[in-house]
């Protein structure tokens, strides 16, 4: 699968807050991961872009979604789709 790879720049302070809330230490991450997001969805997808930020637990992940300059941080369950 080809990814979209659209770059985004989520608000740094908000990104750090959500990472800390998820149990991540932003100091352990490379600096570029605190200043940009890269869409992991399929190329030419419809709707907002999305980047996986980290695992919160076995049943929850932290993602950032964006459309233009609007960013939303969401907690989602892992995808259960498997490829044939």
N, C-alpha and C. Protein backbone atom coordinates (compact mmCIF):
# COMPACT_ATOMS: atom_id res chain seq x y z
N UNK A 1 0.84 -1.18 0.00
CA UNK A 1 0.00 0.00 0.00
C UNK A 1 0.89 1.24 0.00
N UNK A 2 0.56 2.17 -0.86
CA UNK A 2 1.25 3.47 -0.87
C UNK A 2 0.56 4.39 0.14
N UNK A 3 1.37 5.07 0.93
CA UNK A 3 0.83 6.00 1.92
C UNK A 3 0.68 7.40 1.34
N UNK A 4 -0.18 8.16 1.96
CA UNK A 4 -0.43 9.54 1.58
C UNK A 4 0.83 10.40 1.82
N UNK A 5 1.41 10.28 3.00
CA UNK A 5 2.63 10.99 3.40
C UNK A 5 2.49 12.51 3.47
N UNK A 6 1.26 13.03 3.50
CA UNK A 6 1.08 14.48 3.65
C UNK A 6 1.62 14.92 5.01
N UNK A 7 2.41 15.95 5.02
CA UNK A 7 3.00 16.46 6.25
C UNK A 7 2.05 17.46 6.92
N UNK A 8 2.07 17.44 8.23
CA UNK A 8 1.30 18.39 9.03
C UNK A 8 2.16 18.89 10.17
N UNK A 9 1.76 20.00 10.76
CA UNK A 9 2.48 20.56 11.91
C UNK A 9 1.50 20.81 13.05
N UNK A 10 1.24 19.77 13.85
CA UNK A 10 0.31 19.96 14.97
C UNK A 10 0.90 20.92 16.00
N UNK A 11 0.04 21.61 16.74
CA UNK A 11 0.54 22.52 17.77
C UNK A 11 1.44 21.77 18.76
N UNK A 12 2.68 22.20 18.88
CA UNK A 12 3.68 21.49 19.68
C UNK A 12 3.25 21.31 21.13
N UNK A 13 2.75 22.36 21.77
CA UNK A 13 2.35 22.26 23.17
C UNK A 13 1.22 21.25 23.37
N UNK A 14 0.28 21.26 22.45
CA UNK A 14 -0.84 20.32 22.54
C UNK A 14 -0.36 18.89 22.29
N UNK A 15 0.54 18.72 21.34
CA UNK A 15 1.11 17.40 21.06
C UNK A 15 1.83 16.86 22.29
N UNK A 16 2.66 17.67 22.92
CA UNK A 16 3.40 17.25 24.11
C UNK A 16 2.43 16.88 25.23
N UNK A 17 1.38 17.66 25.42
CA UNK A 17 0.39 17.36 26.48
C UNK A 17 -0.26 16.01 26.24
N UNK A 18 -0.67 15.74 25.00
CA UNK A 18 -1.32 14.46 24.70
C UNK A 18 -0.35 13.29 24.83
N UNK A 19 0.89 13.47 24.43
CA UNK A 19 1.88 12.40 24.61
C UNK A 19 2.09 12.09 26.09
N UNK A 20 2.19 13.13 26.91
CA UNK A 20 2.36 12.92 28.36
C UNK A 20 1.13 12.23 28.95
N UNK A 21 -0.05 12.66 28.54
CA UNK A 21 -1.29 12.03 29.02
C UNK A 21 -1.34 10.55 28.65
N UNK A 22 -0.68 10.19 27.54
CA UNK A 22 -0.65 8.80 27.08
C UNK A 22 0.49 8.01 27.72
N UNK A 23 1.27 8.66 28.60
CA UNK A 23 2.36 7.97 29.27
C UNK A 23 3.69 8.02 28.55
N UNK A 24 3.77 8.81 27.48
CA UNK A 24 5.03 8.96 26.74
C UNK A 24 5.84 10.11 27.35
N UNK A 25 7.16 9.98 27.32
CA UNK A 25 8.04 11.07 27.74
C UNK A 25 8.56 11.75 26.48
N UNK A 26 8.06 12.96 26.17
CA UNK A 26 8.50 13.65 24.95
C UNK A 26 10.02 13.82 24.85
N UNK A 27 10.72 13.83 25.99
CA UNK A 27 12.17 13.96 25.97
C UNK A 27 12.85 12.74 25.34
N UNK A 28 12.15 11.61 25.30
CA UNK A 28 12.71 10.39 24.71
C UNK A 28 12.55 10.34 23.19
N UNK A 29 11.82 11.28 22.62
CA UNK A 29 11.53 11.27 21.19
C UNK A 29 12.50 12.16 20.42
N UNK A 30 12.80 11.80 19.18
CA UNK A 30 13.61 12.70 18.35
C UNK A 30 12.89 14.04 18.17
N UNK A 31 13.61 15.15 18.15
CA UNK A 31 12.98 16.47 18.06
C UNK A 31 12.00 16.62 16.89
N UNK A 32 12.29 16.00 15.73
CA UNK A 32 11.40 16.17 14.58
C UNK A 32 10.01 15.55 14.83
N UNK A 33 9.91 14.58 15.75
CA UNK A 33 8.62 13.98 16.03
C UNK A 33 7.72 14.91 16.85
N UNK A 34 8.29 15.97 17.39
CA UNK A 34 7.50 16.94 18.15
C UNK A 34 7.10 18.15 17.32
N UNK A 35 7.49 18.16 16.05
CA UNK A 35 7.19 19.32 15.22
C UNK A 35 6.44 18.98 13.94
N UNK A 36 6.28 17.69 13.64
CA UNK A 36 5.56 17.35 12.41
C UNK A 36 4.85 16.01 12.54
N UNK A 37 3.87 15.84 11.69
CA UNK A 37 3.14 14.59 11.57
C UNK A 37 3.15 14.21 10.09
N UNK A 38 3.09 12.93 9.81
CA UNK A 38 3.07 12.44 8.44
C UNK A 38 1.91 11.46 8.28
N UNK A 39 1.04 11.73 7.34
CA UNK A 39 -0.16 10.92 7.15
C UNK A 39 0.20 9.48 6.78
N UNK A 40 -0.35 8.53 7.53
CA UNK A 40 -0.10 7.11 7.31
C UNK A 40 -1.23 6.42 6.54
N UNK A 41 -2.23 7.18 6.14
CA UNK A 41 -3.35 6.57 5.43
C UNK A 41 -2.97 6.29 3.97
N UNK A 42 -3.81 5.53 3.31
CA UNK A 42 -3.56 5.17 1.92
C UNK A 42 -3.54 6.42 1.03
N UNK A 43 -2.68 6.39 0.02
CA UNK A 43 -2.61 7.51 -0.93
C UNK A 43 -3.99 7.77 -1.53
N UNK A 44 -4.31 9.01 -1.74
CA UNK A 44 -5.59 9.46 -2.32
C UNK A 44 -6.80 9.09 -1.46
N UNK A 45 -6.60 9.01 -0.15
CA UNK A 45 -7.73 8.72 0.74
C UNK A 45 -8.67 9.90 0.80
N UNK A 46 -9.88 9.66 1.26
CA UNK A 46 -10.85 10.73 1.47
C UNK A 46 -10.82 11.12 2.94
N UNK A 47 -11.18 12.35 3.23
CA UNK A 47 -11.28 12.81 4.61
C UNK A 47 -9.95 13.28 5.17
N UNK A 48 -9.92 13.50 6.49
CA UNK A 48 -8.72 14.06 7.12
C UNK A 48 -7.53 13.11 7.08
N UNK A 49 -6.35 13.71 7.26
CA UNK A 49 -5.10 12.95 7.35
C UNK A 49 -4.97 12.41 8.78
N UNK A 50 -4.09 11.42 8.97
CA UNK A 50 -3.91 10.83 10.31
C UNK A 50 -2.51 10.27 10.47
N UNK A 51 -1.95 10.45 11.68
CA UNK A 51 -0.63 9.91 12.01
C UNK A 51 -0.71 9.22 13.37
N UNK A 52 -0.17 8.02 13.43
CA UNK A 52 -0.11 7.25 14.68
C UNK A 52 1.01 7.81 15.54
N UNK A 53 0.68 8.21 16.77
CA UNK A 53 1.68 8.82 17.65
C UNK A 53 2.25 7.86 18.68
N UNK A 54 1.49 6.84 19.04
CA UNK A 54 2.02 5.90 20.02
C UNK A 54 0.97 4.97 20.58
N UNK A 55 1.48 3.95 21.28
CA UNK A 55 0.63 2.96 21.94
C UNK A 55 0.37 3.44 23.37
N UNK A 56 -0.88 3.42 23.77
CA UNK A 56 -1.23 3.79 25.13
C UNK A 56 -1.30 2.53 25.99
N UNK A 57 -1.75 1.49 25.40
CA UNK A 57 -1.86 0.18 26.06
C UNK A 57 -2.15 -0.84 24.98
N UNK A 58 -2.49 -2.04 25.41
CA UNK A 58 -2.76 -3.09 24.43
C UNK A 58 -3.99 -2.79 23.59
N UNK A 59 -4.90 -2.02 24.14
CA UNK A 59 -6.17 -1.80 23.45
C UNK A 59 -6.40 -0.35 23.03
N UNK A 60 -5.36 0.48 23.08
CA UNK A 60 -5.57 1.89 22.75
C UNK A 60 -4.32 2.50 22.14
N UNK A 61 -4.55 3.36 21.14
CA UNK A 61 -3.46 4.06 20.45
C UNK A 61 -3.79 5.54 20.39
N UNK A 62 -2.75 6.37 20.35
CA UNK A 62 -2.91 7.81 20.21
C UNK A 62 -2.62 8.20 18.76
N UNK A 63 -3.55 8.92 18.16
CA UNK A 63 -3.44 9.40 16.78
C UNK A 63 -3.71 10.90 16.75
N UNK A 64 -3.16 11.56 15.75
CA UNK A 64 -3.53 12.94 15.45
C UNK A 64 -4.16 12.93 14.06
N UNK A 65 -5.29 13.63 13.95
CA UNK A 65 -5.97 13.79 12.65
C UNK A 65 -5.94 15.27 12.31
N UNK A 66 -5.83 15.58 11.03
CA UNK A 66 -5.86 16.98 10.63
C UNK A 66 -6.46 17.16 9.26
N UNK A 67 -7.02 18.34 9.11
CA UNK A 67 -7.59 18.78 7.83
C UNK A 67 -7.27 20.26 7.75
N UNK A 68 -6.34 20.63 6.90
CA UNK A 68 -5.88 22.02 6.87
C UNK A 68 -5.11 22.32 8.13
N UNK A 69 -5.51 23.38 8.84
CA UNK A 69 -4.83 23.78 10.07
C UNK A 69 -5.56 23.32 11.33
N UNK A 70 -6.56 22.47 11.18
CA UNK A 70 -7.32 21.99 12.34
C UNK A 70 -6.82 20.59 12.73
N UNK A 71 -6.35 20.45 13.97
CA UNK A 71 -5.79 19.19 14.47
C UNK A 71 -6.63 18.66 15.61
N UNK A 72 -6.85 17.34 15.60
CA UNK A 72 -7.60 16.67 16.65
C UNK A 72 -6.80 15.46 17.11
N UNK A 73 -6.63 15.31 18.41
CA UNK A 73 -5.94 14.17 18.97
C UNK A 73 -6.99 13.17 19.45
N UNK A 74 -6.85 11.92 19.03
CA UNK A 74 -7.86 10.91 19.36
C UNK A 74 -7.19 9.63 19.86
N UNK A 75 -7.93 8.92 20.69
CA UNK A 75 -7.51 7.60 21.18
C UNK A 75 -8.41 6.58 20.50
N UNK A 76 -7.77 5.62 19.83
CA UNK A 76 -8.50 4.61 19.08
C UNK A 76 -8.02 3.22 19.44
N UNK A 77 -8.89 2.24 19.25
CA UNK A 77 -8.49 0.85 19.39
C UNK A 77 -7.65 0.45 18.19
N UNK A 78 -6.82 -0.58 18.34
CA UNK A 78 -6.01 -1.03 17.20
C UNK A 78 -6.88 -1.54 16.05
N UNK A 79 -6.41 -1.37 14.86
CA UNK A 79 -7.10 -1.84 13.68
C UNK A 79 -7.08 -3.37 13.68
N UNK A 80 -8.22 -3.95 13.42
CA UNK A 80 -8.31 -5.41 13.43
C UNK A 80 -8.41 -5.99 12.02
N UNK A 81 -8.18 -5.15 11.04
CA UNK A 81 -8.26 -5.61 9.64
C UNK A 81 -6.98 -6.37 9.31
N UNK A 82 -7.12 -7.51 8.73
CA UNK A 82 -5.93 -8.25 8.30
C UNK A 82 -5.98 -8.41 6.79
N UNK A 83 -4.82 -8.45 6.19
CA UNK A 83 -4.73 -8.59 4.74
C UNK A 83 -4.74 -10.06 4.37
N UNK A 84 -5.38 -10.40 3.26
CA UNK A 84 -5.40 -11.80 2.83
C UNK A 84 -4.01 -12.26 2.37
